[in-house]
Amino acid sequence: MRHLMSPLDFSVEELDKLLDLANDIENHPEQYAHKCEGKKLAVAFYEPSTRTRLSFESAMLNLGGKVLGFSSADSSSAAKGESVSDTIRILSCYADICAMRHPKEGAPLVASQHAKIPVINAGDGGHQHPTQTLTDLLTIRSLKGRLNHLTIGLCGDLKFGRTVHSLIHALIRYPGVNFKLISPDELRLPDYMKDVLHAQNIPYTEMERLEDAMDDLDLLYMTRVQRERFFNEEDYVRMKDYYVLDKTKMAKAPEDMLVLHPLPRVNEISTEIDNDPRAVYFKQAQYGVYVRMALILTLLEYAKED
């Protein structure tokens, strides 16, 4: 049985194969329209989600399968006190594969240890979000043509952002990658993530102003600066406008730089950027369906072999 808890669960070679499959699905969707007939995906989402949950559902429906599950803890037996391990045992009786989101770090891992079906971590607290990372990698490789030799700006909430942490873990396996870490002091990348960069000799620069990072980026990965993370309102007001990407800041960027965002956005990317060809965050959401289709097929294939 094969599960996906972290982007590191796949080797670079396996990851390339998965992304190749996702690109083939993008180009030949009709060839995959019946691949999962008779199969069911359980979506066990203990906290709200739009893109991740619906893209999983869309992926399974596009493959000819069916979907069941719940979209919040309140609408499941978790509200009655049922454990994650018991819930996955039950879902294993009803479905062939499960995507689980949980606010508690490590909950999908616990589920995988008790499951009789493949389990996909669809986000666990501030820890990992591997399918968003697969989405990001597919977007970058499809639009830039490579995953190596990239200068990547990571902007916003780098302390609690699970998408940022997962993406760093995935990209440092490719040569020539370096990071510009753009955040307020309160939301800087945690020391344990910097330790990962140091251990791999990955160059990075920390900075506070977005304008100072724009001139040589291949990618800008925006995230939301959350008001609730600040100790006082004055600090939030001081910092929030630094992280609004608008036409003035985009004018400082290379013509081939890509802007990614895991979404949802609030005000950190001005809507005036949406028509800029470098803004690919809505394409990114579409790539999320293709890569989740590829992941479902891959994990079901491993399960069949077992």
C-alpha atoms as a PDB file:
ATOM      1  CA  MET A   1       0.000   0.000   0.000  1.00  0.00           C
ATOM      2  CA  ARG A   2       1.359   3.407  -0.988  1.00  0.00           C
ATOM      3  CA  HIS A   3       0.306   6.673   0.657  1.00  0.00           C
ATOM      4  CA  LEU A   4       1.263  10.323   0.125  1.00  0.00           C
ATOM      5  CA  MET A   5       2.051  12.226   3.326  1.00  0.00           C
ATOM      6  CA  SER A   6       4.876  14.455   2.068  1.00  0.00           C
ATOM      7  CA  PRO A   7       6.230  15.492  -1.337  1.00  0.00           C
ATOM      8  CA  LEU A   8       9.387  13.604  -0.328  1.00  0.00           C
ATOM      9  CA  ASP A   9       7.455  10.317  -0.402  1.00  0.00           C
ATOM     10  CA  PHE A  10       8.177  10.268  -4.143  1.00  0.00           C
ATOM     11  CA  SER A  11      11.718  10.097  -5.454  1.00  0.00           C
ATOM     12  CA  VAL A  12      12.710  12.644  -8.088  1.00  0.00           C
ATOM     13  CA  GLU A  13      12.347   9.922 -10.723  1.00  0.00           C
ATOM     14  CA  GLU A  14       8.875   8.967  -9.469  1.00  0.00           C
ATOM     15  CA  LEU A  15       7.921  12.621  -9.343  1.00  0.00           C
ATOM     16  CA  ASP A  16       8.994  13.158 -12.951  1.00  0.00           C
ATOM     17  CA  LYS A  17       6.890  10.158 -13.966  1.00  0.00           C
ATOM     18  CA  LEU A  18       3.877  11.534 -12.080  1.00  0.00           C
ATOM     19  CA  LEU A  19       4.236  14.969 -13.705  1.00  0.00           C
ATOM     20  CA  ASP A  20       4.617  13.344 -17.126  1.00  0.00           C
ATOM     21  CA  LEU A  21       1.351  11.507 -16.508  1.00  0.00           C
ATOM     22  CA  ALA A  22      -0.353  14.752 -15.459  1.00  0.00           C
ATOM     23  CA  ASN A  23       0.807  16.452 -18.667  1.00  0.00           C
ATOM     24  CA  ASP A  24      -0.509  13.535 -20.722  1.00  0.00           C
ATOM     25  CA  ILE A  25      -3.855  13.827 -18.936  1.00  0.00           C
ATOM     26  CA  GLU A  26      -3.889  17.544 -19.778  1.00  0.00           C
ATOM     27  CA  ASN A  27      -3.244  16.835 -23.448  1.00  0.00           C
ATOM     28  CA  HIS A  28      -5.407  13.704 -23.839  1.00  0.00           C
ATOM     29  CA  PRO A  29      -8.215  13.890 -21.248  1.00  0.00           C
ATOM     30  CA  GLU A  30     -10.508  11.615 -23.239  1.00  0.00           C
ATOM     31  CA  GLN A  31      -8.069   8.723 -22.808  1.00  0.00           C
ATOM     32  CA  TYR A  32      -8.515   8.881 -19.021  1.00  0.00           C
ATOM     33  CA  ALA A  33     -12.256   9.503 -18.799  1.00  0.00           C
ATOM     34  CA  HIS A  34     -13.083   5.935 -17.729  1.00  0.00           C
ATOM     35  CA  LYS A  35      -9.927   4.891 -15.884  1.00  0.00           C
ATOM     36  CA  CYS A  36     -11.618   4.894 -12.462  1.00  0.00           C
ATOM     37  CA  GLU A  37     -15.056   3.553 -13.325  1.00  0.00           C
ATOM     38  CA  GLY A  38     -16.289   1.531 -10.363  1.00  0.00           C
ATOM     39  CA  LYS A  39     -13.857   3.288  -7.982  1.00  0.00           C
ATOM     40  CA  LYS A  40     -14.741   5.675  -5.162  1.00  0.00           C
ATOM     41  CA  LEU A  41     -12.759   8.502  -3.564  1.00  0.00           C
ATOM     42  CA  ALA A  42     -13.495   9.431   0.059  1.00  0.00           C
ATOM     43  CA  VAL A  43     -12.867  13.102   0.866  1.00  0.00           C
ATOM     44  CA  ALA A  44     -12.436  13.385   4.644  1.00  0.00           C
ATOM     45  CA  PHE A  45     -12.072  17.107   5.226  1.00  0.00           C
ATOM     46  CA  TYR A  46     -12.049  18.134   8.886  1.00  0.00           C
ATOM     47  CA  GLU A  47     -11.687  21.819   8.009  1.00  0.00           C
ATOM     48  CA  PRO A  48     -13.035  24.044   5.216  1.00  0.00           C
ATOM     49  CA  SER A  49     -11.541  23.972   1.738  1.00  0.00           C
ATOM     50  CA  THR A  50     -12.538  25.130  -1.718  1.00  0.00           C
ATOM     51  CA  ARG A  51      -9.729  24.383  -4.175  1.00  0.00           C
ATOM     52  CA  THR A  52      -8.250  21.266  -2.607  1.00  0.00           C
ATOM     53  CA  ARG A  53     -11.502  19.441  -1.899  1.00  0.00           C
ATOM     54  CA  LEU A  54     -13.246  20.391  -5.128  1.00  0.00           C
ATOM     55  CA  SER A  55     -10.173  19.676  -7.248  1.00  0.00           C
ATOM     56  CA  PHE A  56      -9.970  16.188  -5.727  1.00  0.00           C
ATOM     57  CA  GLU A  57     -13.646  15.669  -6.462  1.00  0.00           C
ATOM     58  CA  SER A  58     -13.245  17.035  -9.991  1.00  0.00           C
ATOM     59  CA  ALA A  59     -10.211  14.795 -10.537  1.00  0.00           C
ATOM     60  CA  MET A  60     -12.068  11.635  -9.559  1.00  0.00           C
ATOM     61  CA  LEU A  61     -15.164  12.562 -11.567  1.00  0.00           C
ATOM     62  CA  ASN A  62     -12.969  13.297 -14.607  1.00  0.00           C
ATOM     63  CA  LEU A  63     -11.558   9.778 -14.255  1.00  0.00           C
ATOM     64  CA  GLY A  64     -15.051   8.272 -14.288  1.00  0.00           C
ATOM     65  CA  GLY A  65     -15.115   7.486 -10.566  1.00  0.00           C
ATOM     66  CA  LYS A  66     -17.410   8.583  -7.751  1.00  0.00           C
ATOM     67  CA  VAL A  67     -16.948  10.661  -4.609  1.00  0.00           C
ATOM     68  CA  LEU A  68     -18.231  10.441  -1.052  1.00  0.00           C
ATOM     69  CA  GLY A  69     -17.238  12.051   2.199  1.00  0.00           C
ATOM     70  CA  PHE A  70     -17.640  15.105   4.422  1.00  0.00           C
ATOM     71  CA  SER A  71     -16.488  18.733   4.244  1.00  0.00           C
ATOM     72  CA  SER A  72     -16.120  19.618   7.933  1.00  0.00           C
ATOM     73  CA  ALA A  73     -15.572  17.893  11.261  1.00  0.00           C
ATOM     74  CA  ASP A  74     -19.019  19.039  12.379  1.00  0.00           C
ATOM     75  CA  SER A  75     -20.657  17.011   9.618  1.00  0.00           C
ATOM     76  CA  SER A  76     -18.847  13.790  10.559  1.00  0.00           C
ATOM     77  CA  SER A  77     -18.730  11.515  13.579  1.00  0.00           C
ATOM     78  CA  ALA A  78     -15.692  13.476  14.737  1.00  0.00           C
ATOM     79  CA  ALA A  79     -18.293  15.759  16.298  1.00  0.00           C
ATOM     80  CA  LYS A  80     -19.260  12.783  18.467  1.00  0.00           C
ATOM     81  CA  GLY A  81     -15.670  12.082  19.401  1.00  0.00           C
ATOM     82  CA  GLU A  82     -14.734   9.421  16.848  1.00  0.00           C
ATOM     83  CA  SER A  83     -10.988   9.069  16.361  1.00  0.00           C
ATOM     84  CA  VAL A  84      -9.217   9.514  13.033  1.00  0.00           C
ATOM     85  CA  SER A  85      -8.062   5.881  13.169  1.00  0.00           C
ATOM     86  CA  ASP A  86     -11.635   4.628  13.559  1.00  0.00           C
ATOM     87  CA  THR A  87     -12.940   6.933  10.837  1.00  0.00           C
ATOM     88  CA  ILE A  88     -10.385   5.690   8.303  1.00  0.00           C
ATOM     89  CA  ARG A  89     -11.184   2.084   9.182  1.00  0.00           C
ATOM     90  CA  ILE A  90     -14.807   2.839   8.288  1.00  0.00           C
ATOM     91  CA  LEU A  91     -13.924   4.727   5.118  1.00  0.00           C
ATOM     92  CA  SER A  92     -11.769   1.781   4.059  1.00  0.00           C
ATOM     93  CA  CYS A  93     -14.985  -0.230   3.892  1.00  0.00           C
ATOM     94  CA  TYR A  94     -16.697   2.296   1.638  1.00  0.00           C
ATOM     95  CA  ALA A  95     -14.047   3.704  -0.710  1.00  0.00           C
ATOM     96  CA  ASP A  96     -10.952   2.726  -2.687  1.00  0.00           C
ATOM     97  CA  ILE A  97      -8.807   5.768  -1.839  1.00  0.00           C
ATOM     98  CA  CYS A  98      -9.034   8.679   0.619  1.00  0.00           C
ATOM     99  CA  ALA A  99      -7.945  12.326   0.628  1.00  0.00           C
ATOM    100  CA  MET A 100      -7.798  13.737   4.164  1.00  0.00           C
ATOM    101  CA  ARG A 101      -7.399  17.303   5.426  1.00  0.00           C
ATOM    102  CA  HIS A 102      -7.057  17.853   9.143  1.00  0.00           C
ATOM    103  CA  PRO A 103      -6.112  20.825  11.348  1.00  0.00           C
ATOM    104  CA  LYS A 104      -3.895  18.598  13.509  1.00  0.00           C
ATOM    105  CA  GLU A 105      -0.403  17.910  12.228  1.00  0.00           C
ATOM    106  CA  GLY A 106       0.190  14.210  11.662  1.00  0.00           C
ATOM    107  CA  ALA A 107      -3.478  13.180  11.567  1.00  0.00           C
ATOM    108  CA  PRO A 108      -3.334  11.868   7.958  1.00  0.00           C
ATOM    109  CA  LEU A 109      -0.216   9.883   8.907  1.00  0.00           C
ATOM    110  CA  VAL A 110      -2.143   8.258  11.738  1.00  0.00           C
ATOM    111  CA  ALA A 111      -4.934   7.489   9.284  1.00  0.00           C
ATOM    112  CA  SER A 112      -2.490   5.873   6.842  1.00  0.00           C
ATOM    113  CA  GLN A 113      -1.266   3.550   9.596  1.00  0.00           C
ATOM    114  CA  HIS A 114      -4.777   2.158  10.089  1.00  0.00           C
ATOM    115  CA  ALA A 115      -6.105   2.293   6.514  1.00  0.00           C
ATOM    116  CA  LYS A 116      -6.703  -0.531   4.086  1.00  0.00           C
ATOM    117  CA  ILE A 117      -6.771   1.958   1.203  1.00  0.00           C
ATOM    118  CA  PRO A 118      -4.282   4.611  -0.007  1.00  0.00           C
ATOM    119  CA  VAL A 119      -4.440   7.847   2.002  1.00  0.00           C
ATOM    120  CA  ILE A 120      -3.454  11.247   0.607  1.00  0.00           C
ATOM    121  CA  ASN A 121      -2.532  14.077   2.945  1.00  0.00           C
ATOM    122  CA  ALA A 122      -4.617  17.009   1.684  1.00  0.00           C
ATOM    123  CA  GLY A 123      -3.131  19.356   4.296  1.00  0.00           C
ATOM    124  CA  ASP A 124      -2.378  18.852   7.988  1.00  0.00           C
ATOM    125  CA  GLY A 125      -2.163  21.973  10.118  1.00  0.00           C
ATOM    126  CA  GLY A 126       0.892  24.102   9.367  1.00  0.00           C
ATOM    127  CA  HIS A 127       2.900  21.009   8.499  1.00  0.00           C
ATOM    128  CA  GLN A 128       2.560  19.729   4.918  1.00  0.00           C
ATOM    129  CA  HIS A 129       0.397  20.215   1.861  1.00  0.00           C
ATOM    130  CA  PRO A 130       1.926  17.757  -0.623  1.00  0.00           C
ATOM    131  CA  THR A 131      -0.732  17.895  -3.339  1.00  0.00           C
ATOM    132  CA  GLN A 132      -0.446  21.693  -3.460  1.00  0.00           C
ATOM    133  CA  THR A 133       3.291  21.170  -3.877  1.00  0.00           C
ATOM    134  CA  LEU A 134       2.696  18.712  -6.715  1.00  0.00           C
ATOM    135  CA  THR A 135       0.423  21.345  -8.263  1.00  0.00           C
ATOM    136  CA  ASP A 136       3.134  23.980  -7.904  1.00  0.00           C
ATOM    137  CA  LEU A 137       5.791  21.715  -9.422  1.00  0.00           C
ATOM    138  CA  LEU A 138       3.584  20.819 -12.383  1.00  0.00           C
ATOM    139  CA  THR A 139       2.807  24.507 -12.956  1.00  0.00           C
ATOM    140  CA  ILE A 140       6.469  25.500 -12.820  1.00  0.00           C
ATOM    141  CA  ARG A 141       7.707  22.656 -15.005  1.00  0.00           C
ATOM    142  CA  SER A 142       4.939  23.106 -17.573  1.00  0.00           C
ATOM    143  CA  LEU A 143       5.376  26.877 -17.884  1.00  0.00           C
ATOM    144  CA  LYS A 144       9.108  27.316 -17.232  1.00  0.00           C
ATOM    145  CA  GLY A 145      10.239  24.032 -18.761  1.00  0.00           C
ATOM    146  CA  ARG A 146      12.378  23.032 -15.771  1.00  0.00           C
ATOM    147  CA  LEU A 147      12.551  22.617 -12.006  1.00  0.00           C
ATOM    148  CA  ASN A 148      16.258  23.342 -11.698  1.00  0.00           C
ATOM    149  CA  HIS A 149      18.357  26.520 -11.809  1.00  0.00           C
ATOM    150  CA  LEU A 150      15.598  28.776 -10.495  1.00  0.00           C
ATOM    151  CA  THR A 151      15.603  31.856  -8.278  1.00  0.00           C
ATOM    152  CA  ILE A 152      12.396  31.745  -6.274  1.00  0.00           C
ATOM    153  CA  GLY A 153      10.869  34.513  -4.172  1.00  0.00           C
ATOM    154  CA  LEU A 154       8.670  33.297  -1.325  1.00  0.00           C
ATOM    155  CA  CYS A 155       6.588  36.162   0.046  1.00  0.00           C
ATOM    156  CA  GLY A 156       4.264  36.586   3.002  1.00  0.00           C
ATOM    157  CA  ASP A 157       3.597  34.129   5.808  1.00  0.00           C
ATOM    158  CA  LEU A 158       6.707  31.940   5.727  1.00  0.00           C
ATOM    159  CA  LYS A 159       6.396  30.888   9.372  1.00  0.00           C
ATOM    160  CA  PHE A 160       3.034  29.112   9.316  1.00  0.00           C
ATOM    161  CA  GLY A 161       2.583  28.566   5.570  1.00  0.00           C
ATOM    162  CA  ARG A 162       2.481  24.812   4.976  1.00  0.00           C
ATOM    163  CA  THR A 163       2.518  25.355   1.214  1.00  0.00           C
ATOM    164  CA  VAL A 164       5.835  27.202   1.515  1.00  0.00           C
ATOM    165  CA  HIS A 165       7.392  24.509   3.696  1.00  0.00           C
ATOM    166  CA  SER A 166       6.337  21.710   1.366  1.00  0.00           C
ATOM    167  CA  LEU A 167       7.546  23.562  -1.721  1.00  0.00           C
ATOM    168  CA  ILE A 168      10.974  24.191  -0.204  1.00  0.00           C
ATOM    169  CA  HIS A 169      11.356  20.512   0.699  1.00  0.00           C
ATOM    170  CA  ALA A 170      10.497  19.523  -2.868  1.00  0.00           C
ATOM    171  CA  LEU A 171      12.575  22.080  -4.778  1.00  0.00           C
ATOM    172  CA  ILE A 172      15.844  21.671  -2.881  1.00  0.00           C
ATOM    173  CA  ARG A 173      16.268  18.267  -4.526  1.00  0.00           C
ATOM    174  CA  TYR A 174      16.927  20.026  -7.833  1.00  0.00           C
ATOM    175  CA  PRO A 175      20.285  21.657  -8.649  1.00  0.00           C
ATOM    176  CA  GLY A 176      20.798  25.389  -8.887  1.00  0.00           C
ATOM    177  CA  VAL A 177      17.777  26.451  -6.808  1.00  0.00           C
ATOM    178  CA  ASN A 178      18.012  29.450  -4.495  1.00  0.00           C
ATOM    179  CA  PHE A 179      15.459  31.402  -2.495  1.00  0.00           C
ATOM    180  CA  LYS A 180      14.624  34.965  -1.589  1.00  0.00           C
ATOM    181  CA  LEU A 181      12.601  34.881   1.628  1.00  0.00           C
ATOM    182  CA  ILE A 182      10.416  37.993   1.821  1.00  0.00           C
ATOM    183  CA  SER A 183       8.503  38.465   5.075  1.00  0.00           C
ATOM    184  CA  PRO A 184       8.122  40.577   8.203  1.00  0.00           C
ATOM    185  CA  ASP A 185      10.242  39.530  11.168  1.00  0.00           C
ATOM    186  CA  GLU A 186       7.187  38.055  12.852  1.00  0.00           C
ATOM    187  CA  LEU A 187       6.553  35.639   9.982  1.00  0.00           C
ATOM    188  CA  ARG A 188      10.044  34.623   8.913  1.00  0.00           C
ATOM    189  CA  LEU A 189      10.835  31.091   7.864  1.00  0.00           C
ATOM    190  CA  PRO A 190      11.198  28.923  11.012  1.00  0.00           C
ATOM    191  CA  ASP A 191      14.669  27.908  12.130  1.00  0.00           C
ATOM    192  CA  TYR A 192      13.985  24.217  11.497  1.00  0.00           C
ATOM    193  CA  MET A 193      13.307  25.030   7.833  1.00  0.00           C
ATOM    194  CA  LYS A 194      16.464  27.149   7.612  1.00  0.00           C
ATOM    195  CA  ASP A 195      18.338  24.158   9.039  1.00  0.00           C
ATOM    196  CA  VAL A 196      17.080  22.155   6.058  1.00  0.00           C
ATOM    197  CA  LEU A 197      18.443  24.791   3.676  1.00  0.00           C
ATOM    198  CA  HIS A 198      21.778  24.931   5.474  1.00  0.00           C
ATOM    199  CA  ALA A 199      22.108  21.139   5.491  1.00  0.00           C
ATOM    200  CA  GLN A 200      21.680  21.069   1.696  1.00  0.00           C
ATOM    201  CA  ASN A 201      23.856  24.146   1.110  1.00  0.00           C
ATOM    202  CA  ILE A 202      20.931  25.935  -0.528  1.00  0.00           C
ATOM    203  CA  PRO A 203      21.589  29.689  -0.846  1.00  0.00           C
ATOM    204  CA  TYR A 204      18.902  32.013   0.492  1.00  0.00           C
ATOM    205  CA  THR A 205      18.472  35.666   1.368  1.00  0.00           C
ATOM    206  CA  GLU A 206      16.019  37.075   3.904  1.00  0.00           C
ATOM    207  CA  MET A 207      14.482  40.480   3.212  1.00  0.00           C
ATOM    208  CA  GLU A 208      11.549  42.561   4.332  1.00  0.00           C
ATOM    209  CA  ARG A 209      10.628  44.566   1.218  1.00  0.00           C
ATOM    210  CA  LEU A 210       9.074  42.890  -1.814  1.00  0.00           C
ATOM    211  CA  GLU A 211      10.440  45.619  -4.114  1.00  0.00           C
ATOM    212  CA  ASP A 212      13.996  44.630  -3.223  1.00  0.00           C
ATOM    213  CA  ALA A 213      13.515  41.082  -4.502  1.00  0.00           C
ATOM    214  CA  MET A 214      11.854  41.553  -7.866  1.00  0.00           C
ATOM    215  CA  ASP A 215      14.674  42.222 -10.303  1.00  0.00           C
ATOM    216  CA  ASP A 216      16.045  38.706 -10.902  1.00  0.00           C
ATOM    217  CA  LEU A 217      13.277  36.287  -9.930  1.00  0.00           C
ATOM    218  CA  ASP A 218      12.214  33.346 -12.063  1.00  0.00           C
ATOM    219  CA  LEU A 219       9.211  32.761  -9.790  1.00  0.00           C
ATOM    220  CA  LEU A 220       7.358  34.777  -7.176  1.00  0.00           C
ATOM    221  CA  TYR A 221       5.282  32.633  -4.814  1.00  0.00           C
ATOM    222  CA  MET A 222       2.850  34.878  -2.946  1.00  0.00           C
ATOM    223  CA  THR A 223       1.083  33.921   0.279  1.00  0.00           C
ATOM    224  CA  ARG A 224      -1.295  35.733   2.558  1.00  0.00           C
ATOM    225  CA  VAL A 225      -0.046  37.861   5.465  1.00  0.00           C
ATOM    226  CA  GLN A 226      -2.571  37.103   8.161  1.00  0.00           C
ATOM    227  CA  ARG A 227      -3.616  39.846  10.539  1.00  0.00           C
ATOM    228  CA  GLU A 228      -4.079  37.392  13.401  1.00  0.00           C
ATOM    229  CA  ARG A 229      -0.361  36.480  13.345  1.00  0.00           C
ATOM    230  CA  PHE A 230       0.722  39.940  14.510  1.00  0.00           C
ATOM    231  CA  PHE A 231       1.139  40.930  18.134  1.00  0.00           C
ATOM    232  CA  ASN A 232      -0.349  44.360  17.639  1.00  0.00           C
ATOM    233  CA  GLU A 233      -2.342  46.263  15.052  1.00  0.00           C
ATOM    234  CA  GLU A 234       0.399  48.847  14.514  1.00  0.00           C
ATOM    235  CA  ASP A 235       2.850  46.203  13.238  1.00  0.00           C
ATOM    236  CA  TYR A 236       0.236  44.780  10.888  1.00  0.00           C
ATOM    237  CA  VAL A 237      -0.617  48.204   9.429  1.00  0.00           C
ATOM    238  CA  ARG A 238       3.104  48.944   9.021  1.00  0.00           C
ATOM    239  CA  MET A 239       3.768  45.754   7.082  1.00  0.00           C
ATOM    240  CA  LYS A 240       0.634  44.918   5.110  1.00  0.00           C
ATOM    241  CA  ASP A 241       1.202  47.256   2.159  1.00  0.00           C
ATOM    242  CA  TYR A 242       4.685  45.843   1.561  1.00  0.00           C
ATOM    243  CA  TYR A 243       3.037  42.657   0.391  1.00  0.00           C
ATOM    244  CA  VAL A 244       0.502  43.925  -2.109  1.00  0.00           C
ATOM    245  CA  LEU A 245       1.706  42.955  -5.571  1.00  0.00           C
ATOM    246  CA  ASP A 246       0.599  45.643  -8.014  1.00  0.00           C
ATOM    247  CA  LYS A 247       1.620  46.987 -11.419  1.00  0.00           C
ATOM    248  CA  THR A 248       4.330  49.200  -9.931  1.00  0.00           C
ATOM    249  CA  LYS A 249       6.083  46.245  -8.320  1.00  0.00           C
ATOM    250  CA  MET A 250       5.530  44.022 -11.368  1.00  0.00           C
ATOM    251  CA  ALA A 251       7.278  46.633 -13.513  1.00  0.00           C
ATOM    252  CA  LYS A 252      10.476  45.767 -11.620  1.00  0.00           C
ATOM    253  CA  ALA A 253      10.200  42.061 -12.482  1.00  0.00           C
ATOM    254  CA  PRO A 254      11.647  40.157 -15.448  1.00  0.00           C
ATOM    255  CA  GLU A 255       9.360  39.649 -18.425  1.00  0.00           C
ATOM    256  CA  ASP A 256       9.421  35.866 -17.967  1.00  0.00           C
ATOM    257  CA  MET A 257       8.871  35.759 -14.210  1.00  0.00           C
ATOM    258  CA  LEU A 258       5.845  33.731 -13.085  1.00  0.00           C
ATOM    259  CA  VAL A 259       3.557  34.700 -10.193  1.00  0.00           C
ATOM    260  CA  LEU A 260       2.102  31.753  -8.280  1.00  0.00           C
ATOM    261  CA  HIS A 261      -0.254  31.728  -5.283  1.00  0.00           C
ATOM    262  CA  PRO A 262      -1.835  28.703  -3.554  1.00  0.00           C
ATOM    263  CA  LEU A 263      -4.981  30.804  -3.001  1.00  0.00           C
ATOM    264  CA  PRO A 264      -7.253  32.044  -1.536  1.00  0.00           C
ATOM    265  CA  ARG A 265      -5.986  35.567  -1.980  1.00  0.00           C
ATOM    266  CA  VAL A 266      -7.302  38.474   0.018  1.00  0.00           C
ATOM    267  CA  ASN A 267      -5.549  41.696  -0.994  1.00  0.00           C
ATOM    268  CA  GLU A 268      -1.934  40.592  -1.474  1.00  0.00           C
ATOM    269  CA  ILE A 269      -2.261  40.484  -5.266  1.00  0.00           C
ATOM    270  CA  SER A 270      -4.072  43.387  -6.866  1.00  0.00           C
ATOM    271  CA  THR A 271      -6.755  42.343  -9.341  1.00  0.00           C
ATOM    272  CA  GLU A 272      -5.017  44.620 -11.868  1.00  0.00           C
ATOM    273  CA  ILE A 273      -2.363  41.897 -12.129  1.00  0.00           C
ATOM    274  CA  ASP A 274      -4.831  39.181 -13.168  1.00  0.00           C
ATOM    275  CA  ASN A 275      -4.500  39.927 -16.884  1.00  0.00           C
ATOM    276  CA  ASP A 276      -0.699  40.050 -16.802  1.00  0.00           C
ATOM    277  CA  PRO A 277       0.546  36.939 -18.675  1.00  0.00           C
ATOM    278  CA  ARG A 278       3.023  36.359 -15.846  1.00  0.00           C
ATOM    279  CA  ALA A 279       0.161  35.830 -13.381  1.00  0.00           C
ATOM    280  CA  VAL A 280      -0.522  32.088 -13.498  1.00  0.00           C
ATOM    281  CA  TYR A 281      -2.328  31.402 -10.206  1.00  0.00           C
ATOM    282  CA  PHE A 282      -5.613  30.498 -11.916  1.00  0.00           C
ATOM    283  CA  LYS A 283      -3.790  28.213 -14.364  1.00  0.00           C
ATOM    284  CA  GLN A 284      -2.145  26.773 -11.263  1.00  0.00           C
ATOM    285  CA  ALA A 285      -5.574  25.777  -9.926  1.00  0.00           C
ATOM    286  CA  GLN A 286      -6.309  23.945 -13.199  1.00  0.00           C
ATOM    287  CA  TYR A 287      -2.991  22.123 -13.039  1.00  0.00           C
ATOM    288  CA  GLY A 288      -4.090  20.975  -9.584  1.00  0.00           C
ATOM    289  CA  VAL A 289      -6.833  18.867 -11.143  1.00  0.00           C
ATOM    290  CA  TYR A 290      -4.447  17.198 -13.597  1.00  0.00           C
ATOM    291  CA  VAL A 291      -1.870  16.345 -10.961  1.00  0.00           C
ATOM    292  CA  ARG A 292      -4.480  14.960  -8.566  1.00  0.00           C
ATOM    293  CA  MET A 293      -5.860  12.805 -11.379  1.00  0.00           C
ATOM    294  CA  ALA A 294      -2.344  11.484 -11.950  1.00  0.00           C
ATOM    295  CA  LEU A 295      -1.859  10.893  -8.219  1.00  0.00           C
ATOM    296  CA  ILE A 296      -5.123   8.978  -7.838  1.00  0.00           C
ATOM    297  CA  LEU A 297      -4.239   6.753 -10.776  1.00  0.00           C
ATOM    298  CA  THR A 298      -0.718   6.175  -9.475  1.00  0.00           C
ATOM    299  CA  LEU A 299      -1.751   5.245  -5.932  1.00  0.00           C
ATOM    300  CA  LEU A 300      -4.583   2.988  -7.116  1.00  0.00           C
ATOM    301  CA  GLU A 301      -2.100   1.230  -9.382  1.00  0.00           C
ATOM    302  CA  TYR A 302       0.208   0.600  -6.409  1.00  0.00           C
ATOM    303  CA  ALA A 303      -2.776  -0.680  -4.409  1.00  0.00           C
ATOM    304  CA  LYS A 304      -3.737  -3.038  -7.237  1.00  0.00           C
ATOM    305  CA  GLU A 305      -0.210  -4.441  -7.323  1.00  0.00           C
ATOM    306  CA  ASP A 306      -0.353  -5.102  -3.578  1.00  0.00           C
END
